[in-house]
Amino acid sequence: METIFQIHTDFCKKKFLEVVTGLASIAHNSRVIFKGEDDGSAGLAEIITKDTHIYVCGMNTDACVQATVRGLKARGYTVTVVGDACWTVYASDSPEPHVHALRMLRRNGIRILETKAVR
């Protein structure tokens, strides 16, 4: 399985941008691509084939994750969201934006799994 880190260009020069310790082992042989908008599906579509099953995780569930997943689905990709590996910045006040985004994706036919179910 290949791992691709997609980073919004608004954040590519931020000092806090670093690979989370738990992801370091898969980051070693991964690719990093950049995007300029919430929907990163166009950039991903340039480097992955339609027969690739895509597992998506990241920040922010209610913006980038949701937009990218919808874009990939519209392009004909099979997409699964790893729900417990996503989060929303605003969730410090309430987890509702994150929970609502996952609920909306599920209603739109997107499969939602937890990390322990990803193989």
C-alpha atoms as a PDB file:
ATOM      1  CA  MET A   1       0.000   0.000   0.000  1.00  0.00           C
ATOM      2  CA  GLU A   2       1.372   3.401  -0.939  1.00  0.00           C
ATOM      3  CA  THR A   3       0.999   6.397   1.352  1.00  0.00           C
ATOM      4  CA  ILE A   4       0.588   9.881  -0.074  1.00  0.00           C
ATOM      5  CA  PHE A   5       0.675  12.938   2.162  1.00  0.00           C
ATOM      6  CA  GLN A   6      -1.289  15.810   0.664  1.00  0.00           C
ATOM      7  CA  ILE A   7      -0.633  19.225   2.166  1.00  0.00           C
ATOM      8  CA  HIS A   8      -2.571  22.436   1.581  1.00  0.00           C
ATOM      9  CA  THR A   9      -0.185  25.123   0.345  1.00  0.00           C
ATOM     10  CA  ASP A  10      -1.496  27.491   3.033  1.00  0.00           C
ATOM     11  CA  PHE A  11       0.274  25.269   5.568  1.00  0.00           C
ATOM     12  CA  CYS A  12       3.398  24.072   3.736  1.00  0.00           C
ATOM     13  CA  LYS A  13       5.716  26.598   5.391  1.00  0.00           C
ATOM     14  CA  LYS A  14       4.280  26.455   8.886  1.00  0.00           C
ATOM     15  CA  LYS A  15       6.718  25.450  11.598  1.00  0.00           C
ATOM     16  CA  PHE A  16       4.190  23.010  13.074  1.00  0.00           C
ATOM     17  CA  LEU A  17       3.985  20.992   9.860  1.00  0.00           C
ATOM     18  CA  GLU A  18       5.657  17.705  10.622  1.00  0.00           C
ATOM     19  CA  VAL A  19       4.836  14.041  10.343  1.00  0.00           C
ATOM     20  CA  VAL A  20       3.033  12.702  13.400  1.00  0.00           C
ATOM     21  CA  THR A  21       5.310  10.268  15.248  1.00  0.00           C
ATOM     22  CA  GLY A  22       2.928   7.333  14.709  1.00  0.00           C
ATOM     23  CA  LEU A  23       3.068   7.900  10.939  1.00  0.00           C
ATOM     24  CA  ALA A  24       6.839   8.167  10.665  1.00  0.00           C
ATOM     25  CA  SER A  25       7.315   4.545   9.608  1.00  0.00           C
ATOM     26  CA  ILE A  26       5.033   4.940   6.590  1.00  0.00           C
ATOM     27  CA  ALA A  27       6.250   8.446   5.780  1.00  0.00           C
ATOM     28  CA  HIS A  28       9.726   7.177   4.883  1.00  0.00           C
ATOM     29  CA  ASN A  29       8.673   5.736   1.517  1.00  0.00           C
ATOM     30  CA  SER A  30       5.774   8.059   0.801  1.00  0.00           C
ATOM     31  CA  ARG A  31       5.135  10.868  -1.627  1.00  0.00           C
ATOM     32  CA  VAL A  32       4.152  14.383  -0.641  1.00  0.00           C
ATOM     33  CA  ILE A  33       1.975  16.472  -2.921  1.00  0.00           C
ATOM     34  CA  PHE A  34       0.586  19.946  -2.448  1.00  0.00           C
ATOM     35  CA  LYS A  35      -2.849  21.402  -3.146  1.00  0.00           C
ATOM     36  CA  GLY A  36      -4.140  24.955  -3.251  1.00  0.00           C
ATOM     37  CA  GLU A  37      -7.742  24.347  -2.253  1.00  0.00           C
ATOM     38  CA  ASP A  38      -9.768  22.156   0.104  1.00  0.00           C
ATOM     39  CA  ASP A  39     -10.600  19.598  -2.616  1.00  0.00           C
ATOM     40  CA  GLY A  40      -7.393  17.715  -3.306  1.00  0.00           C
ATOM     41  CA  SER A  41      -8.945  15.176  -5.672  1.00  0.00           C
ATOM     42  CA  ALA A  42      -7.490  16.687  -8.871  1.00  0.00           C
ATOM     43  CA  GLY A  43      -3.909  16.346  -7.640  1.00  0.00           C
ATOM     44  CA  LEU A  44      -4.502  12.806  -6.438  1.00  0.00           C
ATOM     45  CA  ALA A  45      -6.191  11.829  -9.706  1.00  0.00           C
ATOM     46  CA  GLU A  46      -2.984  12.749 -11.544  1.00  0.00           C
ATOM     47  CA  ILE A  47      -0.973  10.115  -9.700  1.00  0.00           C
ATOM     48  CA  ILE A  48      -3.355   7.257  -8.823  1.00  0.00           C
ATOM     49  CA  THR A  49      -5.321   4.866 -10.982  1.00  0.00           C
ATOM     50  CA  LYS A  50      -9.078   4.282 -10.833  1.00  0.00           C
ATOM     51  CA  ASP A  51      -8.562   0.731  -9.548  1.00  0.00           C
ATOM     52  CA  THR A  52      -6.857   2.106  -6.428  1.00  0.00           C
ATOM     53  CA  HIS A  53      -8.908   1.933  -3.234  1.00  0.00           C
ATOM     54  CA  ILE A  54      -8.210   5.163  -1.375  1.00  0.00           C
ATOM     55  CA  TYR A  55      -8.215   5.477   2.400  1.00  0.00           C
ATOM     56  CA  VAL A  56      -8.451   9.107   3.488  1.00  0.00           C
ATOM     57  CA  CYS A  57      -7.573  10.625   6.844  1.00  0.00           C
ATOM     58  CA  GLY A  58      -6.529  14.077   7.908  1.00  0.00           C
ATOM     59  CA  MET A  59      -7.538  17.576   8.929  1.00  0.00           C
ATOM     60  CA  ASN A  60     -10.140  19.116   8.733  1.00  0.00           C
ATOM     61  CA  THR A  61     -12.935  16.579   8.489  1.00  0.00           C
ATOM     62  CA  ASP A  62     -15.533  19.234   7.703  1.00  0.00           C
ATOM     63  CA  ALA A  63     -13.462  20.942   4.992  1.00  0.00           C
ATOM     64  CA  CYS A  64     -10.456  19.312   3.285  1.00  0.00           C
ATOM     65  CA  VAL A  65     -11.318  15.699   4.063  1.00  0.00           C
ATOM     66  CA  GLN A  66     -14.957  16.072   3.073  1.00  0.00           C
ATOM     67  CA  ALA A  67     -14.181  18.040  -0.124  1.00  0.00           C
ATOM     68  CA  THR A  68     -11.432  15.664  -1.246  1.00  0.00           C
ATOM     69  CA  VAL A  69     -13.526  12.559  -0.590  1.00  0.00           C
ATOM     70  CA  ARG A  70     -16.504  13.967  -2.487  1.00  0.00           C
ATOM     71  CA  GLY A  71     -14.215  14.971  -5.343  1.00  0.00           C
ATOM     72  CA  LEU A  72     -12.645  11.515  -5.527  1.00  0.00           C
ATOM     73  CA  LYS A  73     -16.060   9.848  -5.476  1.00  0.00           C
ATOM     74  CA  ALA A  74     -17.251  12.136  -8.282  1.00  0.00           C
ATOM     75  CA  ARG A  75     -14.173  11.105 -10.307  1.00  0.00           C
ATOM     76  CA  GLY A  76     -15.108   7.435  -9.897  1.00  0.00           C
ATOM     77  CA  TYR A  77     -12.702   6.333  -7.181  1.00  0.00           C
ATOM     78  CA  THR A  78     -13.540   3.926  -4.368  1.00  0.00           C
ATOM     79  CA  VAL A  79     -12.969   5.864  -1.158  1.00  0.00           C
ATOM     80  CA  THR A  80     -13.030   4.974   2.533  1.00  0.00           C
ATOM     81  CA  VAL A  81     -12.608   7.525   5.303  1.00  0.00           C
ATOM     82  CA  VAL A  82     -10.689   6.456   8.397  1.00  0.00           C
ATOM     83  CA  GLY A  83     -12.883   8.393  10.796  1.00  0.00           C
ATOM     84  CA  ASP A  84     -10.810   8.168  13.953  1.00  0.00           C
ATOM     85  CA  ALA A  85      -7.752   9.335  12.006  1.00  0.00           C
ATOM     86  CA  CYS A  86      -9.493  12.593  11.046  1.00  0.00           C
ATOM     87  CA  TRP A  87     -10.269  15.619  13.130  1.00  0.00           C
ATOM     88  CA  THR A  88     -11.487  19.173  12.911  1.00  0.00           C
ATOM     89  CA  VAL A  89      -9.615  22.117  14.397  1.00  0.00           C
ATOM     90  CA  TYR A  90     -12.810  23.520  15.862  1.00  0.00           C
ATOM     91  CA  ALA A  91     -13.466  20.270  17.734  1.00  0.00           C
ATOM     92  CA  SER A  92     -11.754  21.663  20.815  1.00  0.00           C
ATOM     93  CA  ASP A  93     -15.005  23.518  21.428  1.00  0.00           C
ATOM     94  CA  SER A  94     -17.216  20.646  20.281  1.00  0.00           C
ATOM     95  CA  PRO A  95     -16.695  17.439  18.289  1.00  0.00           C
ATOM     96  CA  GLU A  96     -19.906  18.186  16.380  1.00  0.00           C
ATOM     97  CA  PRO A  97     -18.281  19.561  13.164  1.00  0.00           C
ATOM     98  CA  HIS A  98     -16.224  16.352  12.874  1.00  0.00           C
ATOM     99  CA  VAL A  99     -19.148  14.063  13.718  1.00  0.00           C
ATOM    100  CA  HIS A 100     -21.480  15.931  11.368  1.00  0.00           C
ATOM    101  CA  ALA A 101     -18.993  15.735   8.474  1.00  0.00           C
ATOM    102  CA  LEU A 102     -18.620  11.956   8.922  1.00  0.00           C
ATOM    103  CA  ARG A 103     -22.390  11.600   9.110  1.00  0.00           C
ATOM    104  CA  MET A 104     -22.819  13.544   5.846  1.00  0.00           C
ATOM    105  CA  LEU A 105     -20.163  11.489   4.082  1.00  0.00           C
ATOM    106  CA  ARG A 106     -21.814   8.261   5.249  1.00  0.00           C
ATOM    107  CA  ARG A 107     -25.191   9.515   3.946  1.00  0.00           C
ATOM    108  CA  ASN A 108     -23.519  10.121   0.592  1.00  0.00           C
ATOM    109  CA  GLY A 109     -22.400   6.512   0.351  1.00  0.00           C
ATOM    110  CA  ILE A 110     -18.858   6.875   1.683  1.00  0.00           C
ATOM    111  CA  ARG A 111     -17.630   4.017   3.848  1.00  0.00           C
ATOM    112  CA  ILE A 112     -16.333   5.099   7.270  1.00  0.00           C
ATOM    113  CA  LEU A 113     -13.969   2.810   9.187  1.00  0.00           C
ATOM    114  CA  GLU A 114     -11.791   3.038  12.279  1.00  0.00           C
ATOM    115  CA  THR A 115      -8.031   2.530  12.094  1.00  0.00           C
ATOM    116  CA  LYS A 116      -8.181  -0.943  13.613  1.00  0.00           C
ATOM    117  CA  ALA A 117     -10.379  -2.102  10.687  1.00  0.00           C
ATOM    118  CA  VAL A 118      -7.996  -0.897   7.951  1.00  0.00           C
ATOM    119  CA  ARG A 119      -5.941  -3.684   6.443  1.00  0.00           C
END
